[in-house]
Amino acid sequence: MNSYSEVQIDGCTVRVVDAPRVESVRSRMPGQEDLADTAEVFGLLGDPNRLRLLLALLDGELCVCDLAAVTGQSESAVSHALRLLRAHRVVAVRRAGRMAYYRLEDAHVRMLLDLAIAHTGHTQAIHPERGGND
């Protein structure tokens, strides 16, 4: 028979089986602001068009027109997406005269992309909303 304790969270009683472990995990949990910032980054990565841009930048920096050609998007759409990505420090820009060249901000962004690609490459996602996955 499992023994457990109960704690109050947001006015609800929650059963806790391993109280020391729960406390250890809760003490390492990032603050609300850090969680929100991280969720925003994943939200940016969740858009297929922005993700396509980021994957194009895995090979190095590209200008807006080249990114548009690579991804099949308009230059306007690419510029808009890059502004969002830059505001969240996912991409960085280097200016050379009138040209702007974009690159991934740092190794952490590259690592996120590499891990996501590796994950989808070795797992078969189930998408009931797409049908045909029986």
C-alpha atoms as a PDB file:
ATOM      1  CA  MET A   1       0.000   0.000   0.000  1.00  0.00           C
ATOM      2  CA  ASN A   2       1.433   3.374  -1.027  1.00  0.00           C
ATOM      3  CA  SER A   3       1.598   6.072   1.562  1.00  0.00           C
ATOM      4  CA  TYR A   4       1.121   9.606   0.438  1.00  0.00           C
ATOM      5  CA  SER A   5       0.639  13.074   1.764  1.00  0.00           C
ATOM      6  CA  GLU A   6      -1.602  15.848   0.612  1.00  0.00           C
ATOM      7  CA  VAL A   7      -0.684  19.443  -0.150  1.00  0.00           C
ATOM      8  CA  GLN A   8      -2.769  22.451  -1.035  1.00  0.00           C
ATOM      9  CA  ILE A   9      -2.057  24.020  -4.446  1.00  0.00           C
ATOM     10  CA  ASP A  10      -4.265  26.829  -5.711  1.00  0.00           C
ATOM     11  CA  GLY A  11      -6.981  25.836  -3.260  1.00  0.00           C
ATOM     12  CA  CYS A  12      -7.019  22.181  -4.374  1.00  0.00           C
ATOM     13  CA  THR A  13      -5.822  19.172  -2.454  1.00  0.00           C
ATOM     14  CA  VAL A  14      -3.164  17.299  -4.414  1.00  0.00           C
ATOM     15  CA  ARG A  15      -1.863  13.850  -3.521  1.00  0.00           C
ATOM     16  CA  VAL A  16       1.935  13.573  -3.215  1.00  0.00           C
ATOM     17  CA  VAL A  17       3.573  10.135  -3.189  1.00  0.00           C
ATOM     18  CA  ASP A  18       7.265  11.131  -3.042  1.00  0.00           C
ATOM     19  CA  ALA A  19       7.342  14.417  -1.093  1.00  0.00           C
ATOM     20  CA  PRO A  20      11.167  14.858  -1.027  1.00  0.00           C
ATOM     21  CA  ARG A  21      11.395  14.351  -4.775  1.00  0.00           C
ATOM     22  CA  VAL A  22       8.473  16.686  -5.438  1.00  0.00           C
ATOM     23  CA  GLU A  23      10.124  19.362  -3.311  1.00  0.00           C
ATOM     24  CA  SER A  24      13.466  18.857  -5.080  1.00  0.00           C
ATOM     25  CA  VAL A  25      11.880  19.227  -8.513  1.00  0.00           C
ATOM     26  CA  ARG A  26       9.806  22.251  -7.445  1.00  0.00           C
ATOM     27  CA  SER A  27      12.911  23.982  -6.057  1.00  0.00           C
ATOM     28  CA  ARG A  28      14.661  23.636  -9.464  1.00  0.00           C
ATOM     29  CA  MET A  29      11.665  24.816 -11.484  1.00  0.00           C
ATOM     30  CA  PRO A  30      12.399  28.100 -13.297  1.00  0.00           C
ATOM     31  CA  GLY A  31      10.493  31.206 -12.301  1.00  0.00           C
ATOM     32  CA  GLN A  32       7.272  32.193 -14.037  1.00  0.00           C
ATOM     33  CA  GLU A  33       8.974  34.853 -16.206  1.00  0.00           C
ATOM     34  CA  ASP A  34      11.668  32.428 -17.381  1.00  0.00           C
ATOM     35  CA  LEU A  35       9.004  29.823 -18.198  1.00  0.00           C
ATOM     36  CA  ALA A  36       7.042  32.394 -20.202  1.00  0.00           C
ATOM     37  CA  ASP A  37      10.173  33.437 -22.131  1.00  0.00           C
ATOM     38  CA  THR A  38      11.016  29.815 -22.900  1.00  0.00           C
ATOM     39  CA  ALA A  39       7.454  29.109 -24.029  1.00  0.00           C
ATOM     40  CA  GLU A  40       7.685  32.105 -26.386  1.00  0.00           C
ATOM     41  CA  VAL A  41      10.822  30.662 -27.994  1.00  0.00           C
ATOM     42  CA  PHE A  42       9.116  27.309 -28.515  1.00  0.00           C
ATOM     43  CA  GLY A  43       6.119  29.159 -29.942  1.00  0.00           C
ATOM     44  CA  LEU A  44       8.401  30.859 -32.451  1.00  0.00           C
ATOM     45  CA  LEU A  45       9.888  27.489 -33.383  1.00  0.00           C
ATOM     46  CA  GLY A  46       6.385  26.030 -33.734  1.00  0.00           C
ATOM     47  CA  ASP A  47       5.584  27.973 -36.895  1.00  0.00           C
ATOM     48  CA  PRO A  48       6.575  25.947 -40.008  1.00  0.00           C
ATOM     49  CA  ASN A  49       7.628  29.032 -42.009  1.00  0.00           C
ATOM     50  CA  ARG A  50       9.852  30.391 -39.232  1.00  0.00           C
ATOM     51  CA  LEU A  51      11.231  26.914 -38.656  1.00  0.00           C
ATOM     52  CA  ARG A  52      12.069  26.643 -42.359  1.00  0.00           C
ATOM     53  CA  LEU A  53      14.020  29.923 -42.100  1.00  0.00           C
ATOM     54  CA  LEU A  54      15.935  28.702 -39.076  1.00  0.00           C
ATOM     55  CA  LEU A  55      16.772  25.397 -40.713  1.00  0.00           C
ATOM     56  CA  ALA A  56      18.064  27.314 -43.745  1.00  0.00           C
ATOM     57  CA  LEU A  57      20.388  29.222 -41.416  1.00  0.00           C
ATOM     58  CA  LEU A  58      21.954  26.007 -40.081  1.00  0.00           C
ATOM     59  CA  ASP A  59      24.380  26.219 -43.019  1.00  0.00           C
ATOM     60  CA  GLY A  60      25.403  29.786 -42.174  1.00  0.00           C
ATOM     61  CA  GLU A  61      24.244  33.329 -42.724  1.00  0.00           C
ATOM     62  CA  LEU A  62      21.974  34.368 -45.587  1.00  0.00           C
ATOM     63  CA  CYS A  63      20.399  37.615 -46.712  1.00  0.00           C
ATOM     64  CA  VAL A  64      16.618  38.125 -46.831  1.00  0.00           C
ATOM     65  CA  CYS A  65      16.344  37.598 -50.592  1.00  0.00           C
ATOM     66  CA  ASP A  66      18.308  34.338 -50.441  1.00  0.00           C
ATOM     67  CA  LEU A  67      16.222  33.147 -47.492  1.00  0.00           C
ATOM     68  CA  ALA A  68      13.083  33.929 -49.500  1.00  0.00           C
ATOM     69  CA  ALA A  69      14.415  31.910 -52.431  1.00  0.00           C
ATOM     70  CA  VAL A  70      15.417  28.975 -50.243  1.00  0.00           C
ATOM     71  CA  THR A  71      12.147  28.811 -48.304  1.00  0.00           C
ATOM     72  CA  GLY A  72       9.679  29.777 -51.030  1.00  0.00           C
ATOM     73  CA  GLN A  73       8.355  32.727 -49.033  1.00  0.00           C
ATOM     74  CA  SER A  74       8.048  36.358 -50.056  1.00  0.00           C
ATOM     75  CA  GLU A  75      10.781  38.753 -48.964  1.00  0.00           C
ATOM     76  CA  SER A  76       8.156  40.638 -46.948  1.00  0.00           C
ATOM     77  CA  ALA A  77       7.126  37.484 -45.060  1.00  0.00           C
ATOM     78  CA  VAL A  78      10.768  36.573 -44.450  1.00  0.00           C
ATOM     79  CA  SER A  79      11.563  40.079 -43.154  1.00  0.00           C
ATOM     80  CA  HIS A  80       8.584  39.988 -40.791  1.00  0.00           C
ATOM     81  CA  ALA A  81       9.545  36.558 -39.438  1.00  0.00           C
ATOM     82  CA  LEU A  82      13.171  37.604 -39.001  1.00  0.00           C
ATOM     83  CA  ARG A  83      12.102  40.686 -37.025  1.00  0.00           C
ATOM     84  CA  LEU A  84      10.222  38.421 -34.592  1.00  0.00           C
ATOM     85  CA  LEU A  85      13.097  35.964 -34.345  1.00  0.00           C
ATOM     86  CA  ARG A  86      15.597  38.748 -33.826  1.00  0.00           C
ATOM     87  CA  ALA A  87      13.465  40.392 -31.119  1.00  0.00           C
ATOM     88  CA  HIS A  88      13.609  37.117 -29.188  1.00  0.00           C
ATOM     89  CA  ARG A  89      17.350  36.702 -29.811  1.00  0.00           C
ATOM     90  CA  VAL A  90      16.916  33.572 -31.920  1.00  0.00           C
ATOM     91  CA  VAL A  91      18.704  35.125 -34.915  1.00  0.00           C
ATOM     92  CA  ALA A  92      21.305  37.876 -35.213  1.00  0.00           C
ATOM     93  CA  VAL A  93      22.016  40.255 -38.075  1.00  0.00           C
ATOM     94  CA  ARG A  94      25.195  41.553 -39.706  1.00  0.00           C
ATOM     95  CA  ARG A  95      24.925  44.582 -41.946  1.00  0.00           C
ATOM     96  CA  ALA A  96      27.176  45.132 -44.944  1.00  0.00           C
ATOM     97  CA  GLY A  97      26.191  48.358 -46.647  1.00  0.00           C
ATOM     98  CA  ARG A  98      22.527  48.025 -47.627  1.00  0.00           C
ATOM     99  CA  MET A  99      22.537  44.260 -47.175  1.00  0.00           C
ATOM    100  CA  ALA A 100      21.551  42.460 -43.981  1.00  0.00           C
ATOM    101  CA  TYR A 101      22.793  38.933 -43.367  1.00  0.00           C
ATOM    102  CA  TYR A 102      21.061  36.780 -40.783  1.00  0.00           C
ATOM    103  CA  ARG A 103      22.493  33.909 -38.766  1.00  0.00           C
ATOM    104  CA  LEU A 104      21.448  31.811 -35.791  1.00  0.00           C
ATOM    105  CA  GLU A 105      22.074  33.767 -32.598  1.00  0.00           C
ATOM    106  CA  ASP A 106      24.168  31.128 -30.843  1.00  0.00           C
ATOM    107  CA  ALA A 107      24.948  27.464 -30.320  1.00  0.00           C
ATOM    108  CA  HIS A 108      21.877  26.999 -28.111  1.00  0.00           C
ATOM    109  CA  VAL A 109      19.547  27.752 -31.019  1.00  0.00           C
ATOM    110  CA  ARG A 110      21.494  25.359 -33.247  1.00  0.00           C
ATOM    111  CA  MET A 111      21.277  22.704 -30.541  1.00  0.00           C
ATOM    112  CA  LEU A 112      17.478  23.110 -30.246  1.00  0.00           C
ATOM    113  CA  LEU A 113      17.096  22.710 -34.005  1.00  0.00           C
ATOM    114  CA  ASP A 114      19.492  19.760 -34.198  1.00  0.00           C
ATOM    115  CA  LEU A 115      17.719  17.987 -31.328  1.00  0.00           C
ATOM    116  CA  ALA A 116      14.273  18.593 -32.845  1.00  0.00           C
ATOM    117  CA  ILE A 117      15.401  17.221 -36.208  1.00  0.00           C
ATOM    118  CA  ALA A 118      17.012  14.194 -34.554  1.00  0.00           C
ATOM    119  CA  HIS A 119      13.887  13.572 -32.494  1.00  0.00           C
ATOM    120  CA  THR A 120      11.518  13.662 -35.455  1.00  0.00           C
ATOM    121  CA  GLY A 121      13.963  11.568 -37.465  1.00  0.00           C
ATOM    122  CA  HIS A 122      13.813   8.618 -35.094  1.00  0.00           C
ATOM    123  CA  THR A 123      10.212   8.808 -33.895  1.00  0.00           C
ATOM    124  CA  GLN A 124       6.981   8.421 -35.758  1.00  0.00           C
ATOM    125  CA  ALA A 125       4.666  11.192 -34.664  1.00  0.00           C
ATOM    126  CA  ILE A 126       1.000  10.356 -34.391  1.00  0.00           C
ATOM    127  CA  HIS A 127      -1.210  13.069 -35.847  1.00  0.00           C
ATOM    128  CA  PRO A 128      -4.866  12.112 -35.472  1.00  0.00           C
ATOM    129  CA  GLU A 129      -5.855  15.506 -36.896  1.00  0.00           C
ATOM    130  CA  ARG A 130      -4.183  14.619 -40.189  1.00  0.00           C
ATOM    131  CA  GLY A 131      -5.897  11.241 -40.558  1.00  0.00           C
ATOM    132  CA  GLY A 132      -4.409   8.103 -42.068  1.00  0.00           C
ATOM    133  CA  ASN A 133      -2.273   7.135 -39.054  1.00  0.00           C
ATOM    134  CA  ASP A 134      -4.005   3.874 -38.205  1.00  0.00           C
END
